[in-house]
C-alpha atoms as a PDB file:
ATOM      1  CA  MET A   1     -89.837-103.635-128.010  1.00  0.00           C
ATOM      2  CA  SER A   2     -91.185-101.134-125.187  1.00  0.00           C
ATOM      3  CA  GLU A   3     -90.836-101.962-121.978  1.00  0.00           C
ATOM      4  CA  ARG A   4     -94.416-103.178-121.097  1.00  0.00           C
ATOM      5  CA  SER A   5     -94.088-106.282-123.784  1.00  0.00           C
ATOM      6  CA  SER A   6     -90.854-106.922-122.674  1.00  0.00           C
ATOM      7  CA  SER A   7     -91.809-107.078-118.958  1.00  0.00           C
ATOM      8  CA  TRP A   8     -94.157-109.931-119.528  1.00  0.00           C
ATOM      9  CA  ARG A   9     -92.214-111.933-121.325  1.00  0.00           C
ATOM     10  CA  ALA A  10     -89.548-112.746-119.511  1.00  0.00           C
ATOM     11  CA  PRO A  11     -91.539-114.251-116.852  1.00  0.00           C
ATOM     12  CA  VAL A  12     -93.917-116.731-118.866  1.00  0.00           C
ATOM     13  CA  LEU A  13     -89.941-117.879-120.981  1.00  0.00           C
ATOM     14  CA  ARG A  14     -89.139-118.794-118.045  1.00  0.00           C
ATOM     15  CA  ALA A  15     -91.685-120.197-117.650  1.00  0.00           C
ATOM     16  CA  VAL A  16     -91.890-122.426-120.451  1.00  0.00           C
ATOM     17  CA  GLY A  17     -88.134-123.140-119.792  1.00  0.00           C
ATOM     18  CA  TRP A  18     -89.384-124.840-116.996  1.00  0.00           C
ATOM     19  CA  LEU A  19     -92.097-126.694-118.289  1.00  0.00           C
ATOM     20  CA  LEU A  20     -89.515-128.013-120.679  1.00  0.00           C
ATOM     21  CA  VAL A  21     -87.450-129.664-117.992  1.00  0.00           C
ATOM     22  CA  VAL A  22     -90.019-130.926-116.176  1.00  0.00           C
ATOM     23  CA  LEU A  23     -91.602-133.045-119.262  1.00  0.00           C
ATOM     24  CA  VAL A  24     -88.171-134.522-120.430  1.00  0.00           C
ATOM     25  CA  LEU A  25     -87.707-134.897-116.422  1.00  0.00           C
ATOM     26  CA  ALA A  26     -91.195-136.919-116.748  1.00  0.00           C
ATOM     27  CA  VAL A  27     -89.597-138.536-120.203  1.00  0.00           C
ATOM     28  CA  VAL A  28     -86.766-139.804-118.978  1.00  0.00           C
ATOM     29  CA  PHE A  29     -88.589-141.503-115.556  1.00  0.00           C
ATOM     30  CA  GLY A  30     -91.340-142.771-117.934  1.00  0.00           C
ATOM     31  CA  TRP A  31     -88.662-144.173-119.459  1.00  0.00           C
ATOM     32  CA  TYR A  32     -86.954-145.787-116.437  1.00  0.00           C
ATOM     33  CA  LEU A  33     -89.708-147.832-115.789  1.00  0.00           C
ATOM     34  CA  GLU A  34     -89.884-149.545-119.119  1.00  0.00           C
ATOM     35  CA  PRO A  35     -87.726-153.144-118.770  1.00  0.00           C
ATOM     36  CA  ASP A  36     -86.898-153.560-121.546  1.00  0.00           C
ATOM     37  CA  PHE A  37     -85.888-150.300-122.054  1.00  0.00           C
ATOM     38  CA  MET A  38     -83.871-150.354-119.035  1.00  0.00           C
ATOM     39  CA  LEU A  39     -82.104-153.352-120.729  1.00  0.00           C
ATOM     40  CA  THR A  40     -81.791-152.299-123.781  1.00  0.00           C
ATOM     41  CA  MET A  41     -79.978-149.073-122.461  1.00  0.00           C
ATOM     42  CA  ALA A  42     -77.862-151.436-120.310  1.00  0.00           C
ATOM     43  CA  ASP A  43     -76.788-154.247-123.567  1.00  0.00           C
ATOM     44  CA  GLN A  44     -75.588-150.863-125.250  1.00  0.00           C
ATOM     45  CA  ALA A  45     -73.018-149.636-123.145  1.00  0.00           C
ATOM     46  CA  TRP A  46     -72.076-152.786-122.225  1.00  0.00           C
ATOM     47  CA  ALA A  47     -71.302-152.369-126.161  1.00  0.00           C
ATOM     48  CA  CYS A  48     -69.108-149.251-126.111  1.00  0.00           C
ATOM     49  CA  PHE A  49     -66.361-151.277-124.197  1.00  0.00           C
END
C-alpha cells in the first residue's frame, strides 16, 4: 500500500467505528424506552439468582 492510500483510511475507519458505536447506543437506548423489553430483562436477570 502506498502512503497516500493509508493516509485517508485511518480517519475513515475511525469514523465508521464511531458511527457503529453511536448506532449501538441508539438501539440500546431505544430498547430501554420499551416497557415490555425492560420487564423481560428484569425477569431474566432475576432468574439468574
